[in-house]
PDB file of all heavy atoms in Angstrom:
ATOM      1  N   ILE A   1      60.494-191.390-158.232  1.00  0.00           N
ATOM      2  CA  ILE A   1      59.090-191.624-157.893  1.00  0.00           C
ATOM      3  C   ILE A   1      58.511-192.744-158.743  1.00  0.00           C
ATOM      4  O   ILE A   1      57.845-193.658-158.240  1.00  0.00           O
ATOM      5  CB  ILE A   1      58.261-190.331-158.086  1.00  0.00           C
ATOM      6  CG1 ILE A   1      58.620-189.296-157.015  1.00  0.00           C
ATOM      7  CG2 ILE A   1      56.760-190.637-158.031  1.00  0.00           C
ATOM      8  CD1 ILE A   1      57.994-187.934-157.256  1.00  0.00           C
ATOM      9  N   SER A   2      58.776-192.674-160.036  1.00  0.00           N
ATOM     10  CA  SER A   2      58.228-193.657-160.961  1.00  0.00           C
ATOM     11  C   SER A   2      58.781-195.050-160.693  1.00  0.00           C
ATOM     12  O   SER A   2      58.034-196.036-160.621  1.00  0.00           O
ATOM     13  CB  SER A   2      58.552-193.239-162.399  1.00  0.00           C
ATOM     14  OG  SER A   2      57.838-194.012-163.323  1.00  0.00           O
ATOM     15  N   ALA A   3      60.116-195.146-160.525  1.00  0.00           N
ATOM     16  CA  ALA A   3      60.736-196.444-160.252  1.00  0.00           C
ATOM     17  C   ALA A   3      60.268-196.994-158.905  1.00  0.00           C
ATOM     18  O   ALA A   3      60.023-198.202-158.772  1.00  0.00           O
ATOM     19  CB  ALA A   3      62.255-196.310-160.278  1.00  0.00           C
ATOM     20  N   LEU A   4      60.143-196.124-157.916  1.00  0.00           N
ATOM     21  CA  LEU A   4      59.666-196.565-156.594  1.00  0.00           C
ATOM     22  C   LEU A   4      58.268-197.151-156.687  1.00  0.00           C
ATOM     23  O   LEU A   4      57.967-198.171-156.054  1.00  0.00           O
ATOM     24  CB  LEU A   4      59.678-195.381-155.615  1.00  0.00           C
ATOM     25  CG  LEU A   4      59.094-195.669-154.222  1.00  0.00           C
ATOM     26  CD1 LEU A   4      59.878-196.773-153.515  1.00  0.00           C
ATOM     27  CD2 LEU A   4      59.073-194.392-153.383  1.00  0.00           C
ATOM     28  N   PHE A   5      57.414-196.544-157.485  1.00  0.00           N
ATOM     29  CA  PHE A   5      56.050-197.049-157.675  1.00  0.00           C
ATOM     30  C   PHE A   5      56.073-198.481-158.217  1.00  0.00           C
ATOM     31  O   PHE A   5      55.372-199.364-157.713  1.00  0.00           O
ATOM     32  CB  PHE A   5      55.281-196.134-158.634  1.00  0.00           C
ATOM     33  CG  PHE A   5      53.930-196.676-159.029  1.00  0.00           C
ATOM     34  CD1 PHE A   5      52.852-196.588-158.163  1.00  0.00           C
ATOM     35  CD2 PHE A   5      53.746-197.274-160.269  1.00  0.00           C
ATOM     36  CE1 PHE A   5      51.603-197.092-158.527  1.00  0.00           C
ATOM     37  CE2 PHE A   5      52.512-197.777-160.640  1.00  0.00           C
ATOM     38  CZ  PHE A   5      51.432-197.680-159.763  1.00  0.00           C
ATOM     39  N   VAL A   6      56.909-198.700-159.236  1.00  0.00           N
ATOM     40  CA  VAL A   6      56.988-200.031-159.843  1.00  0.00           C
ATOM     41  C   VAL A   6      57.526-201.055-158.849  1.00  0.00           C
ATOM     42  O   VAL A   6      56.955-202.140-158.678  1.00  0.00           O
ATOM     43  CB  VAL A   6      57.875-200.011-161.101  1.00  0.00           C
ATOM     44  CG1 VAL A   6      58.073-201.429-161.647  1.00  0.00           C
ATOM     45  CG2 VAL A   6      57.250-199.129-162.179  1.00  0.00           C
ATOM     46  N   PHE A   7      58.615-200.721-158.163  1.00  0.00           N
ATOM     47  CA  PHE A   7      59.207-201.652-157.208  1.00  0.00           C
ATOM     48  C   PHE A   7      58.253-201.938-156.043  1.00  0.00           C
ATOM     49  O   PHE A   7      58.210-203.060-155.526  1.00  0.00           O
ATOM     50  CB  PHE A   7      60.530-201.102-156.680  1.00  0.00           C
ATOM     51  CG  PHE A   7      61.686-201.287-157.631  1.00  0.00           C
ATOM     52  CD1 PHE A   7      62.319-200.192-158.203  1.00  0.00           C
ATOM     53  CD2 PHE A   7      62.140-202.556-157.964  1.00  0.00           C
ATOM     54  CE1 PHE A   7      63.382-200.356-159.081  1.00  0.00           C
ATOM     55  CE2 PHE A   7      63.201-202.733-158.834  1.00  0.00           C
ATOM     56  CZ  PHE A   7      63.820-201.636-159.405  1.00  0.00           C
ATOM     57  N   THR A   8      57.491-200.943-155.632  1.00  0.00           N
ATOM     58  CA  THR A   8      56.515-201.148-154.561  1.00  0.00           C
ATOM     59  C   THR A   8      55.418-202.108-155.003  1.00  0.00           C
ATOM     60  O   THR A   8      55.024-203.018-154.266  1.00  0.00           O
ATOM     61  CB  THR A   8      55.891-199.808-154.126  1.00  0.00           C
ATOM     62  OG1 THR A   8      56.921-198.932-153.666  1.00  0.00           O
ATOM     63  CG2 THR A   8      54.876-200.015-153.002  1.00  0.00           C
ATOM     64  N   MET A   9      54.915-201.911-156.225  1.00  0.00           N
ATOM     65  CA  MET A   9      53.878-202.792-156.748  1.00  0.00           C
ATOM     66  C   MET A   9      54.375-204.234-156.904  1.00  0.00           C
ATOM     67  O   MET A   9      53.600-205.183-156.805  1.00  0.00           O
ATOM     68  CB  MET A   9      53.384-202.273-158.108  1.00  0.00           C
ATOM     69  CG  MET A   9      52.624-200.952-158.062  1.00  0.00           C
ATOM     70  SD  MET A   9      51.081-201.044-157.078  1.00  0.00           S
ATOM     71  CE  MET A   9      51.631-200.312-155.526  1.00  0.00           C
ATOM     72  N   GLU A  10      55.678-204.383-157.124  1.00  0.00           N
ATOM     73  CA  GLU A  10      56.272-205.714-157.280  1.00  0.00           C
ATOM     74  C   GLU A  10      56.726-206.308-155.943  1.00  0.00           C
ATOM     75  O   GLU A  10      57.281-207.406-155.911  1.00  0.00           O
ATOM     76  CB  GLU A  10      57.463-205.650-158.244  1.00  0.00           C
ATOM     77  CG  GLU A  10      57.114-205.238-159.660  1.00  0.00           C
ATOM     78  CD  GLU A  10      56.336-206.297-160.415  1.00  0.00           C
ATOM     79  OE1 GLU A  10      56.383-207.475-159.998  1.00  0.00           O
ATOM     80  OE2 GLU A  10      55.665-205.952-161.410  1.00  0.00           O
ATOM     81  N   GLY A  11      56.505-205.568-154.854  1.00  0.00           N
ATOM     82  CA  GLY A  11      56.895-206.061-153.533  1.00  0.00           C
ATOM     83  C   GLY A  11      58.392-206.107-153.311  1.00  0.00           C
ATOM     84  O   GLY A  11      58.900-206.953-152.572  1.00  0.00           O
ATOM     85  N   LYS A  12      59.143-205.169-153.933  1.00  0.00           N
ATOM     86  CA  LYS A  12      60.603-205.181-153.859  1.00  0.00           C
ATOM     87  C   LYS A  12      61.153-204.047-152.988  1.00  0.00           C
ATOM     88  O   LYS A  12      62.284-203.589-153.190  1.00  0.00           O
ATOM     89  CB  LYS A  12      61.198-205.061-155.273  1.00  0.00           C
ATOM     90  CG  LYS A  12      60.747-206.125-156.258  1.00  0.00           C
ATOM     91  CD  LYS A  12      61.147-207.523-155.829  1.00  0.00           C
ATOM     92  CE  LYS A  12      60.742-208.553-156.883  1.00  0.00           C
ATOM     93  NZ  LYS A  12      61.059-209.931-156.462  1.00  0.00           N
ATOM     94  N   VAL A  13      60.386-203.598-152.004  1.00  0.00           N
ATOM     95  CA  VAL A  13      60.823-202.509-151.126  1.00  0.00           C
ATOM     96  C   VAL A  13      60.716-202.946-149.668  1.00  0.00           C
ATOM     97  O   VAL A  13      59.667-203.421-149.235  1.00  0.00           O
ATOM     98  CB  VAL A  13      59.974-201.231-151.342  1.00  0.00           C
ATOM     99  CG1 VAL A  13      60.456-200.112-150.418  1.00  0.00           C
ATOM    100  CG2 VAL A  13      60.019-200.785-152.798  1.00  0.00           C
ATOM    101  N   VAL A  14      61.808-202.771-148.919  1.00  0.00           N
ATOM    102  CA  VAL A  14      61.788-203.001-147.468  1.00  0.00           C
ATOM    103  C   VAL A  14      61.623-201.624-146.819  1.00  0.00           C
ATOM    104  O   VAL A  14      62.581-200.850-146.723  1.00  0.00           O
ATOM    105  CB  VAL A  14      63.080-203.683-146.985  1.00  0.00           C
ATOM    106  CG1 VAL A  14      63.012-203.940-145.478  1.00  0.00           C
ATOM    107  CG2 VAL A  14      63.316-204.983-147.738  1.00  0.00           C
ATOM    108  N   PHE A  15      60.416-201.309-146.393  1.00  0.00           N
ATOM    109  CA  PHE A  15      60.079-199.937-146.011  1.00  0.00           C
ATOM    110  C   PHE A  15      60.819-199.456-144.765  1.00  0.00           C
ATOM    111  O   PHE A  15      61.269-198.303-144.712  1.00  0.00           O
ATOM    112  CB  PHE A  15      58.567-199.799-145.831  1.00  0.00           C
ATOM    113  CG  PHE A  15      57.822-199.735-147.130  1.00  0.00           C
ATOM    114  CD1 PHE A  15      57.294-200.886-147.701  1.00  0.00           C
ATOM    115  CD2 PHE A  15      57.670-198.541-147.806  1.00  0.00           C
ATOM    116  CE1 PHE A  15      56.624-200.841-148.912  1.00  0.00           C
ATOM    117  CE2 PHE A  15      56.998-198.476-149.018  1.00  0.00           C
ATOM    118  CZ  PHE A  15      56.471-199.635-149.573  1.00  0.00           C
ATOM    119  N   MET A  16      60.957-200.287-143.756  1.00  0.00           N
ATOM    120  CA  MET A  16      61.633-199.847-142.537  1.00  0.00           C
ATOM    121  C   MET A  16      63.074-199.451-142.834  1.00  0.00           C
ATOM    122  O   MET A  16      63.556-198.407-142.403  1.00  0.00           O
ATOM    123  CB  MET A  16      61.598-200.949-141.483  1.00  0.00           C
ATOM    124  CG  MET A  16      62.257-200.562-140.160  1.00  0.00           C
ATOM    125  SD  MET A  16      61.495-199.101-139.386  1.00  0.00           S
ATOM    126  CE  MET A  16      59.895-199.798-138.927  1.00  0.00           C
ATOM    127  N   THR A  17      63.766-200.292-143.587  1.00  0.00           N
ATOM    128  CA  THR A  17      65.155-200.008-143.949  1.00  0.00           C
ATOM    129  C   THR A  17      65.250-198.748-144.797  1.00  0.00           C
ATOM    130  O   THR A  17      66.101-197.880-144.571  1.00  0.00           O
ATOM    131  CB  THR A  17      65.764-201.196-144.719  1.00  0.00           C
ATOM    132  OG1 THR A  17      65.647-202.376-143.930  1.00  0.00           O
ATOM    133  CG2 THR A  17      67.224-200.937-145.039  1.00  0.00           C
ATOM    134  N   GLY A  18      64.379-198.633-145.795  1.00  0.00           N
ATOM    135  CA  GLY A  18      64.388-197.473-146.676  1.00  0.00           C
ATOM    136  C   GLY A  18      64.094-196.171-145.949  1.00  0.00           C
ATOM    137  O   GLY A  18      64.690-195.131-146.245  1.00  0.00           O
ATOM    138  N   LEU A  19      63.185-196.228-144.985  1.00  0.00           N
ATOM    139  CA  LEU A  19      62.835-195.015-144.233  1.00  0.00           C
ATOM    140  C   LEU A  19      63.961-194.581-143.307  1.00  0.00           C
ATOM    141  O   LEU A  19      64.216-193.384-143.139  1.00  0.00           O
ATOM    142  CB  LEU A  19      61.552-195.252-143.436  1.00  0.00           C
ATOM    143  CG  LEU A  19      60.268-195.336-144.266  1.00  0.00           C
ATOM    144  CD1 LEU A  19      59.096-195.755-143.399  1.00  0.00           C
ATOM    145  CD2 LEU A  19      59.971-193.995-144.945  1.00  0.00           C
ATOM    146  N   ILE A  20      64.650-195.552-142.686  1.00  0.00           N
ATOM    147  CA  ILE A  20      65.787-195.210-141.824  1.00  0.00           C
ATOM    148  C   ILE A  20      66.879-194.522-142.634  1.00  0.00           C
ATOM    149  O   ILE A  20      67.396-193.465-142.254  1.00  0.00           O
ATOM    150  CB  ILE A  20      66.339-196.468-141.122  1.00  0.00           C
ATOM    151  CG1 ILE A  20      65.334-196.981-140.091  1.00  0.00           C
ATOM    152  CG2 ILE A  20      67.685-196.173-140.443  1.00  0.00           C
ATOM    153  CD1 ILE A  20      65.702-198.324-139.501  1.00  0.00           C
ATOM    154  N   MET A  21      67.223-195.131-143.754  1.00  0.00           N
ATOM    155  CA  MET A  21      68.229-194.516-144.624  1.00  0.00           C
ATOM    156  C   MET A  21      67.715-193.200-145.193  1.00  0.00           C
ATOM    157  O   MET A  21      68.463-192.221-145.326  1.00  0.00           O
ATOM    158  CB  MET A  21      68.612-195.469-145.754  1.00  0.00           C
ATOM    159  CG  MET A  21      69.666-194.921-146.697  1.00  0.00           C
ATOM    160  SD  MET A  21      70.253-196.144-147.929  1.00  0.00           S
ATOM    161  CE  MET A  21      71.641-196.844-147.019  1.00  0.00           C
ATOM    162  N   GLY A  22      66.423-193.137-145.516  1.00  0.00           N
ATOM    163  CA  GLY A  22      65.840-191.938-146.106  1.00  0.00           C
ATOM    164  C   GLY A  22      65.852-190.742-145.180  1.00  0.00           C
ATOM    165  O   GLY A  22      66.062-189.605-145.612  1.00  0.00           O
ATOM    166  N   ILE A  23      65.649-190.974-143.882  1.00  0.00           N
ATOM    167  CA  ILE A  23      65.675-189.869-142.914  1.00  0.00           C
ATOM    168  C   ILE A  23      67.072-189.260-142.855  1.00  0.00           C
ATOM    169  O   ILE A  23      67.239-188.037-142.821  1.00  0.00           O
ATOM    170  CB  ILE A  23      65.225-190.370-141.527  1.00  0.00           C
ATOM    171  CG1 ILE A  23      63.735-190.699-141.553  1.00  0.00           C
ATOM    172  CG2 ILE A  23      65.507-189.314-140.450  1.00  0.00           C
ATOM    173  CD1 ILE A  23      63.233-191.414-140.326  1.00  0.00           C
ATOM    174  N   ALA A  24      68.092-190.129-142.846  1.00  0.00           N
ATOM    175  CA  ALA A  24      69.476-189.631-142.867  1.00  0.00           C
ATOM    176  C   ALA A  24      69.755-188.907-144.177  1.00  0.00           C
ATOM    177  O   ALA A  24      70.451-187.884-144.208  1.00  0.00           O
ATOM    178  CB  ALA A  24      70.444-190.791-142.679  1.00  0.00           C
ATOM    179  N   MET A  25      69.200-189.433-145.275  1.00  0.00           N
ATOM    180  CA  MET A  25      69.377-188.793-146.579  1.00  0.00           C
ATOM    181  C   MET A  25      68.717-187.419-146.622  1.00  0.00           C
ATOM    182  O   MET A  25      69.215-186.504-147.290  1.00  0.00           O
ATOM    183  CB  MET A  25      68.799-189.677-147.682  1.00  0.00           C
ATOM    184  CG  MET A  25      69.693-190.831-148.087  1.00  0.00           C
ATOM    185  SD  MET A  25      69.024-191.706-149.539  1.00  0.00           S
ATOM    186  CE  MET A  25      70.499-192.536-150.140  1.00  0.00           C
ATOM    187  N   LEU A  26      67.611-187.288-145.949  1.00  0.00           N
ATOM    188  CA  LEU A  26      66.927-185.991-145.884  1.00  0.00           C
ATOM    189  C   LEU A  26      67.874-184.921-145.358  1.00  0.00           C
ATOM    190  O   LEU A  26      67.972-183.824-145.912  1.00  0.00           O
ATOM    191  CB  LEU A  26      65.682-186.115-145.007  1.00  0.00           C
ATOM    192  CG  LEU A  26      64.725-184.938-144.934  1.00  0.00           C
ATOM    193  CD1 LEU A  26      63.312-185.457-144.620  1.00  0.00           C
ATOM    194  CD2 LEU A  26      65.123-183.941-143.855  1.00  0.00           C
ATOM    195  N   LEU A  27      68.596-185.247-144.299  1.00  0.00           N
ATOM    196  CA  LEU A  27      69.528-184.291-143.704  1.00  0.00           C
ATOM    197  C   LEU A  27      70.712-184.026-144.628  1.00  0.00           C
ATOM    198  O   LEU A  27      71.117-182.880-144.836  1.00  0.00           O
ATOM    199  CB  LEU A  27      70.020-184.824-142.357  1.00  0.00           C
ATOM    200  CG  LEU A  27      68.938-185.076-141.296  1.00  0.00           C
ATOM    201  CD1 LEU A  27      69.550-185.738-140.063  1.00  0.00           C
ATOM    202  CD2 LEU A  27      68.250-183.774-140.916  1.00  0.00           C
ATOM    203  N   GLY A  28      71.258-185.094-145.208  1.00  0.00           N
ATOM    204  CA  GLY A  28      72.398-184.944-146.108  1.00  0.00           C
ATOM    205  C   GLY A  28      72.050-184.165-147.355  1.00  0.00           C
ATOM    206  O   GLY A  28      72.842-183.328-147.827  1.00  0.00           O
ATOM    207  N   ALA A  29      70.888-184.426-147.922  1.00  0.00           N
ATOM    208  CA  ALA A  29      70.463-183.741-149.144  1.00  0.00           C
ATOM    209  C   ALA A  29      70.248-182.254-148.902  1.00  0.00           C
ATOM    210  O   ALA A  29      70.609-181.409-149.731  1.00  0.00           O
ATOM    211  CB  ALA A  29      69.181-184.377-149.677  1.00  0.00           C
ATOM    212  N   ASN A  30      69.670-181.925-147.771  1.00  0.00           N
ATOM    213  CA  ASN A  30      69.421-180.522-147.435  1.00  0.00           C
ATOM    214  C   ASN A  30      70.734-179.753-147.299  1.00  0.00           C
ATOM    215  O   ASN A  30      70.901-178.664-147.854  1.00  0.00           O
ATOM    216  CB  ASN A  30      68.626-180.436-146.136  1.00  0.00           C
ATOM    217  CG  ASN A  30      68.220-179.018-145.805  1.00  0.00           C
ATOM    218  OD1 ASN A  30      67.712-178.272-146.637  1.00  0.00           O
ATOM    219  ND2 ASN A  30      68.444-178.624-144.565  1.00  0.00           N
ATOM    220  N   LEU A  31      71.686-180.364-146.603  1.00  0.00           N
ATOM    221  CA  LEU A  31      72.986-179.713-146.403  1.00  0.00           C
ATOM    222  C   LEU A  31      73.755-179.602-147.717  1.00  0.00           C
ATOM    223  O   LEU A  31      74.336-178.555-148.027  1.00  0.00           O
ATOM    224  CB  LEU A  31      73.805-180.508-145.383  1.00  0.00           C
ATOM    225  CG  LEU A  31      75.188-179.930-145.034  1.00  0.00           C
ATOM    226  CD1 LEU A  31      75.039-178.541-144.413  1.00  0.00           C
ATOM    227  CD2 LEU A  31      75.926-180.862-144.078  1.00  0.00           C
ATOM    228  N   GLY A  32      73.754-180.668-148.519  1.00  0.00           N
ATOM    229  CA  GLY A  32      74.478-180.657-149.778  1.00  0.00           C
ATOM    230  C   GLY A  32      73.939-179.637-150.758  1.00  0.00           C
ATOM    231  O   GLY A  32      74.706-178.921-151.423  1.00  0.00           O
ATOM    232  N   ALA A  33      72.617-179.545-150.860  1.00  0.00           N
ATOM    233  CA  ALA A  33      72.007-178.580-151.776  1.00  0.00           C
ATOM    234  C   ALA A  33      72.297-177.151-151.346  1.00  0.00           C
ATOM    235  O   ALA A  33      72.602-176.284-152.177  1.00  0.00           O
ATOM    236  CB  ALA A  33      70.496-178.819-151.847  1.00  0.00           C
ATOM    237  N   LYS A  34      72.235-176.896-150.042  1.00  0.00           N
ATOM    238  CA  LYS A  34      72.520-175.547-149.537  1.00  0.00           C
ATOM    239  C   LYS A  34      73.970-175.166-149.809  1.00  0.00           C
ATOM    240  O   LYS A  34      74.264-174.024-150.168  1.00  0.00           O
ATOM    241  CB  LYS A  34      72.223-175.476-148.040  1.00  0.00           C
ATOM    242  CG  LYS A  34      70.742-175.433-147.714  1.00  0.00           C
ATOM    243  CD  LYS A  34      70.506-175.319-146.216  1.00  0.00           C
ATOM    244  CE  LYS A  34      69.014-175.194-145.907  1.00  0.00           C
ATOM    245  NZ  LYS A  34      68.761-175.122-144.446  1.00  0.00           N
ATOM    246  N   MET A  35      74.889-176.120-149.643  1.00  0.00           N
ATOM    247  CA  MET A  35      76.298-175.833-149.896  1.00  0.00           C
ATOM    248  C   MET A  35      76.531-175.547-151.370  1.00  0.00           C
ATOM    249  O   MET A  35      77.313-174.661-151.730  1.00  0.00           O
ATOM    250  CB  MET A  35      77.172-176.999-149.436  1.00  0.00           C
ATOM    251  CG  MET A  35      78.662-176.759-149.624  1.00  0.00           C
ATOM    252  SD  MET A  35      79.702-177.992-148.822  1.00  0.00           S
ATOM    253  CE  MET A  35      79.437-177.565-147.105  1.00  0.00           C
ATOM    254  N   ALA A  36      75.850-176.302-152.258  1.00  0.00           N
ATOM    255  CA  ALA A  36      76.000-176.073-153.695  1.00  0.00           C
ATOM    256  C   ALA A  36      75.527-174.679-154.076  1.00  0.00           C
ATOM    257  O   ALA A  36      76.164-173.989-154.874  1.00  0.00           O
ATOM    258  CB  ALA A  36      75.219-177.133-154.472  1.00  0.00           C
TER     259      ALA A  36
END
């Protein structure tokens, strides 16, 4: 969260790309945590 805030303020985030990857990560993270 903290690093994302800094990179966003510096204009170093491509939001469309990050959100596409993030949605897939949401599914992967949920499954991985449940398996653990």
